[in-house]
């Protein structure tokens, strides 16, 4: 029996999914990547759109220590937005580019199983943290040439209830489970710039040093920390790049320190 595909995993933030030109360019970039890789899995977020529809429905966002609280009502909006509107918009975009795209969520086939996230300062509601990934559905789709498009809404390991999960964490867990050679965090810049120059590789000590020195700042801090967490969880290489870099294989790679020295 042949080995299962080891695809490249691409994580897309939700803000970009409202941009028509981005979606058109994304389809072309993923198509090019799919031709050169052993399959592609796309994981997406959608916090901006969720907040929009919560506001339209009169639901006031709640936060605990900077983390969004997911009530029963807000979970329904999150599931409709992530697993419905945005997931199908993205699948449609990739299908229009000539790919076999299939929109799914962590709930399907019990793919992403989670435990309830706890916080010492209070209850976060229906927020989950990944416990395990069942790769069966992903492997089936990849083996038949499909690009799975994954919403991060996932299923409780013990209670079978839906949970809202950070899309970065879902992408990391899927990439580690599938032994992905690369996890790409897609952003609007070609990579991490230090002193006006894009760096090709970063290690954990460099990341923390440059954050402390203010050379990595703002919205790039959570991006590099997510990429670092991915390699610490077993992903071979995590890359921060934009659409152009996705197609050409360029960007800033976050790698284990030993790999950087070799």
Protein backbone atom coordinates (compact mmCIF):
# COMPACT_ATOMS: atom_id res chain seq x y z
CA UNK A 1 0.00 0.00 0.00
CA UNK A 2 1.40 3.41 -0.95
CA UNK A 3 2.13 6.03 1.67
CA UNK A 4 -0.49 8.66 2.37
CA UNK A 5 0.04 12.09 0.77
CA UNK A 6 2.10 14.61 2.77
CA UNK A 7 0.51 17.85 1.56
CA UNK A 8 1.45 21.46 2.05
CA UNK A 9 -0.95 23.11 4.50
CA UNK A 10 -1.94 26.73 3.86
CA UNK A 11 -3.58 28.82 6.58
CA UNK A 12 -5.55 31.88 5.42
CA UNK A 13 -6.79 34.62 7.73
CA UNK A 14 -10.42 35.59 7.54
CA UNK A 15 -9.84 39.25 6.63
CA UNK A 16 -8.58 38.35 3.16
CA UNK A 17 -11.69 36.36 2.29
CA UNK A 18 -13.72 39.52 1.75
CA UNK A 19 -11.33 40.65 -1.00
CA UNK A 20 -12.45 39.55 -4.48
CA UNK A 21 -9.10 40.22 -6.16
CA UNK A 22 -7.30 38.29 -3.41
CA UNK A 23 -9.56 35.30 -3.96
CA UNK A 24 -8.93 35.32 -7.70
CA UNK A 25 -5.16 35.48 -7.19
CA UNK A 26 -5.39 32.84 -4.48
CA UNK A 27 -6.99 30.37 -6.88
CA UNK A 28 -4.11 30.79 -9.33
CA UNK A 29 -1.47 30.48 -6.59
CA UNK A 30 -2.98 27.36 -5.05
CA UNK A 31 -3.37 25.79 -8.47
CA UNK A 32 0.36 26.32 -9.15
CA UNK A 33 1.25 24.97 -5.72
CA UNK A 34 -0.97 21.93 -6.19
CA UNK A 35 0.84 20.99 -9.42
CA UNK A 36 4.21 20.89 -7.64
CA UNK A 37 3.22 19.45 -4.24
CA UNK A 38 1.90 16.19 -2.85
CA UNK A 39 -1.49 17.81 -2.34
CA UNK A 40 -2.67 20.99 -0.61
CA UNK A 41 -4.91 21.49 2.43
CA UNK A 42 -6.34 24.97 3.07
CA UNK A 43 -7.42 26.04 6.58
CA UNK A 44 -9.16 29.39 7.04
CA UNK A 45 -10.27 31.75 9.75
CA UNK A 46 -12.96 34.41 9.72
CA UNK A 47 -12.99 36.51 12.88
CA UNK A 48 -13.73 39.80 11.11
CA UNK A 49 -16.79 38.41 9.31
CA UNK A 50 -18.06 36.68 12.46
CA UNK A 51 -17.85 39.99 14.34
CA UNK A 52 -19.76 41.72 11.54
CA UNK A 53 -22.68 39.29 11.66
CA UNK A 54 -22.72 39.19 15.45
CA UNK A 55 -23.09 42.95 15.46
CA UNK A 56 -25.80 42.80 12.79
CA UNK A 57 -27.73 40.36 14.99
CA UNK A 58 -27.31 42.50 18.09
CA UNK A 59 -24.81 40.20 19.80
CA UNK A 60 -22.20 42.09 21.76
CA UNK A 61 -18.70 40.51 21.61
CA UNK A 62 -17.33 39.43 24.99
CA UNK A 63 -13.66 39.02 25.84
CA UNK A 64 -11.76 37.48 28.73
CA UNK A 65 -8.13 38.51 29.12
CA UNK A 66 -8.08 39.38 25.40
CA UNK A 67 -9.66 36.07 24.32
CA UNK A 68 -13.06 36.02 22.63
CA UNK A 69 -15.80 34.33 24.67
CA UNK A 70 -18.01 32.07 22.56
CA UNK A 71 -21.56 31.90 23.90
CA UNK A 72 -24.18 29.51 22.51
CA UNK A 73 -25.61 32.30 20.37
CA UNK A 74 -22.26 33.51 19.07
CA UNK A 75 -21.22 29.92 18.32
CA UNK A 76 -24.21 29.57 15.99
CA UNK A 77 -23.09 32.71 14.13
CA UNK A 78 -19.49 31.45 14.02
CA UNK A 79 -20.53 28.07 12.63
CA UNK A 80 -22.80 29.60 9.99
CA UNK A 81 -20.11 32.08 8.96
CA UNK A 82 -17.06 29.81 9.04
CA UNK A 83 -18.48 26.48 7.90
CA UNK A 84 -21.05 28.08 5.61
CA UNK A 85 -20.44 31.48 4.03
CA UNK A 86 -16.64 31.70 4.10
CA UNK A 87 -15.90 28.01 3.63
CA UNK A 88 -18.05 27.79 0.52
CA UNK A 89 -16.80 31.11 -0.81
CA UNK A 90 -13.25 29.80 -0.63
CA UNK A 91 -14.18 26.40 -2.10
CA UNK A 92 -15.98 28.17 -4.94
CA UNK A 93 -12.92 30.33 -5.64
CA UNK A 94 -10.62 27.30 -5.87
CA UNK A 95 -13.12 25.37 -7.99
CA UNK A 96 -13.34 28.30 -10.41
CA UNK A 97 -9.53 28.11 -10.73
CA UNK A 98 -9.83 24.54 -11.98
CA UNK A 99 -9.11 22.70 -8.73
CA UNK A 100 -11.14 19.93 -7.12
CA UNK A 101 -12.01 21.81 -3.94
CA UNK A 102 -14.15 20.38 -1.14
CA UNK A 103 -15.31 22.53 1.78
CA UNK A 104 -15.43 20.74 5.13
CA UNK A 105 -15.02 21.52 8.83
CA UNK A 106 -13.34 19.91 11.79
CA UNK A 107 -16.74 18.41 12.66
CA UNK A 108 -16.92 16.21 9.52
CA UNK A 109 -16.01 12.59 10.28
CA UNK A 110 -14.86 13.78 13.71
CA UNK A 111 -11.79 15.14 11.99
CA UNK A 112 -10.63 17.67 14.60
CA UNK A 113 -11.52 16.58 18.12
CA UNK A 114 -11.14 19.08 20.93
CA UNK A 115 -11.41 19.54 24.65
CA UNK A 116 -13.00 22.58 26.23
CA UNK A 117 -10.47 25.35 26.74
CA UNK A 118 -10.21 26.57 30.30
CA UNK A 119 -8.96 29.89 31.63
CA UNK A 120 -8.07 30.76 35.23
CA UNK A 121 -10.02 34.03 35.03
CA UNK A 122 -13.35 32.61 33.87
CA UNK A 123 -15.39 30.67 31.33
CA UNK A 124 -14.56 31.08 27.63
CA UNK A 125 -17.73 29.25 26.56
CA UNK A 126 -17.64 26.96 23.53
CA UNK A 127 -13.97 27.47 22.77
CA UNK A 128 -11.93 24.34 22.14
CA UNK A 129 -8.30 23.33 22.09
CA UNK A 130 -7.20 20.55 19.75
CA UNK A 131 -6.89 17.13 21.39
CA UNK A 132 -6.37 14.99 18.30
CA UNK A 133 -6.83 14.91 14.54
CA UNK A 134 -8.44 12.01 12.70
CA UNK A 135 -6.88 12.32 9.22
CA UNK A 136 -9.08 9.74 7.46
CA UNK A 137 -11.29 12.18 5.54
CA UNK A 138 -8.37 14.41 4.59
CA UNK A 139 -6.38 11.43 3.33
CA UNK A 140 -9.34 10.19 1.31
CA UNK A 141 -9.83 13.57 -0.37
CA UNK A 142 -6.12 14.09 -1.00
CA UNK A 143 -5.74 10.62 -2.50
CA UNK A 144 -8.38 11.53 -5.09
CA UNK A 145 -6.80 14.86 -6.00
CA UNK A 146 -9.05 17.15 -3.96
CA UNK A 147 -8.01 20.27 -2.08
CA UNK A 148 -9.75 20.10 1.33
CA UNK A 149 -10.87 23.53 2.52
CA UNK A 150 -11.20 23.34 6.30
CA UNK A 151 -13.29 25.50 8.61
CA UNK A 152 -11.92 25.44 12.19
CA UNK A 153 -15.30 24.64 13.79
CA UNK A 154 -14.54 21.33 15.50
CA UNK A 155 -16.17 18.64 17.63
CA UNK A 156 -15.91 17.90 21.34
CA UNK A 157 -13.91 14.77 22.12
CA UNK A 158 -16.24 13.69 24.95
CA UNK A 159 -19.49 15.61 24.45
CA UNK A 160 -19.88 15.71 20.64
CA UNK A 161 -20.73 19.43 20.74
CA UNK A 162 -19.39 22.00 18.26
CA UNK A 163 -16.55 24.26 19.37
CA UNK A 164 -14.92 27.35 17.96
CA UNK A 165 -11.16 26.78 17.61
CA UNK A 166 -8.33 29.10 16.67
CA UNK A 167 -7.65 28.48 12.96
CA UNK A 168 -3.87 28.68 13.48
CA UNK A 169 -4.11 25.82 15.99
CA UNK A 170 -6.22 23.70 13.64
CA UNK A 171 -3.74 24.29 10.81
CA UNK A 172 -0.82 23.34 13.07
CA UNK A 173 -2.49 20.14 14.25
CA UNK A 174 -3.43 19.07 10.72
CA UNK A 175 0.06 19.82 9.40
CA UNK A 176 1.70 17.82 12.20
CA UNK A 177 -0.69 14.87 11.78
CA UNK A 178 -0.21 14.70 8.01
CA UNK A 179 3.59 15.13 8.28
CA UNK A 180 3.32 18.22 6.07
CA UNK A 181 6.71 19.37 4.73
CA UNK A 182 5.50 22.96 4.97
CA UNK A 183 2.84 24.98 6.79
CA UNK A 184 2.29 28.36 5.15
CA UNK A 185 0.80 31.26 7.09
CA UNK A 186 -0.52 33.47 4.32
CA UNK A 187 -0.34 37.20 4.99
CA UNK A 188 -0.13 40.48 3.07
CA UNK A 189 3.67 40.82 3.19
CA UNK A 190 6.33 38.63 1.52
CA UNK A 191 7.98 37.72 4.83
CA UNK A 192 9.53 39.06 8.03
CA UNK A 193 11.62 42.18 7.52
CA UNK A 194 14.44 43.11 9.90
CA UNK A 195 16.16 46.47 9.40
CA UNK A 196 14.58 46.77 5.95
CA UNK A 197 15.72 43.35 4.77
CA UNK A 198 13.58 40.22 4.48
CA UNK A 199 15.09 37.33 6.43
CA UNK A 200 14.88 33.87 4.89
CA UNK A 201 14.93 31.86 8.13
CA UNK A 202 14.23 32.41 11.82
CA UNK A 203 14.83 30.28 14.91
CA UNK A 204 13.22 30.51 18.35
CA UNK A 205 16.09 32.47 19.97
CA UNK A 206 16.14 34.96 17.09
CA UNK A 207 12.38 35.46 17.27
CA UNK A 208 12.33 36.23 21.00
CA UNK A 209 15.44 38.43 20.76
CA UNK A 210 14.04 40.49 17.90
CA UNK A 211 10.63 40.84 19.54
CA UNK A 212 12.33 42.09 22.73
CA UNK A 213 14.39 44.56 20.68
CA UNK A 214 11.30 45.83 18.85
CA UNK A 215 12.53 44.64 15.46
CA UNK A 216 9.51 42.33 15.14
CA UNK A 217 6.40 44.18 16.23
CA UNK A 218 2.67 44.68 15.82
CA UNK A 219 0.67 42.10 13.90
CA UNK A 220 3.81 40.20 12.91
CA UNK A 221 4.39 39.04 16.51
CA UNK A 222 1.45 36.58 16.65
CA UNK A 223 2.35 35.36 13.14
CA UNK A 224 5.93 34.43 14.03
CA UNK A 225 4.86 32.91 17.34
CA UNK A 226 2.26 30.75 15.60
CA UNK A 227 4.89 29.63 13.10
CA UNK A 228 7.31 28.87 15.94
CA UNK A 229 4.67 26.87 17.80
CA UNK A 230 4.04 24.85 14.63
CA UNK A 231 7.66 23.69 14.32
CA UNK A 232 7.76 22.97 18.05
CA UNK A 233 4.78 20.66 17.49
CA UNK A 234 6.57 18.70 14.78
CA UNK A 235 5.97 20.62 11.53
CA UNK A 236 9.18 20.53 9.48
CA UNK A 237 8.97 24.13 8.30
CA UNK A 238 6.53 26.98 8.87
CA UNK A 239 6.58 29.83 6.35
CA UNK A 240 5.24 33.37 6.55
CA UNK A 241 4.62 34.79 3.08
CA UNK A 242 2.12 36.38 0.70
CA UNK A 243 0.37 35.15 -2.43
CA UNK A 244 3.41 35.69 -4.62
CA UNK A 245 5.58 33.78 -2.18
CA UNK A 246 3.04 30.98 -2.01
CA UNK A 247 3.39 30.43 -5.75
CA UNK A 248 7.18 30.72 -5.83
CA UNK A 249 8.00 28.97 -2.56
CA UNK A 250 9.62 32.04 -1.00
CA UNK A 251 9.08 33.83 2.30
CA UNK A 252 10.45 33.65 5.83
CA UNK A 253 10.82 30.12 7.18
CA UNK A 254 10.66 29.39 10.91
CA UNK A 255 12.76 26.30 11.54
CA UNK A 256 14.18 24.31 14.48
CA UNK A 257 17.50 25.75 15.63
CA UNK A 258 19.40 22.59 14.69
CA UNK A 259 18.09 22.78 11.12
CA UNK A 260 19.17 26.41 10.79
CA UNK A 261 22.72 25.54 11.85
CA UNK A 262 23.03 22.61 9.44
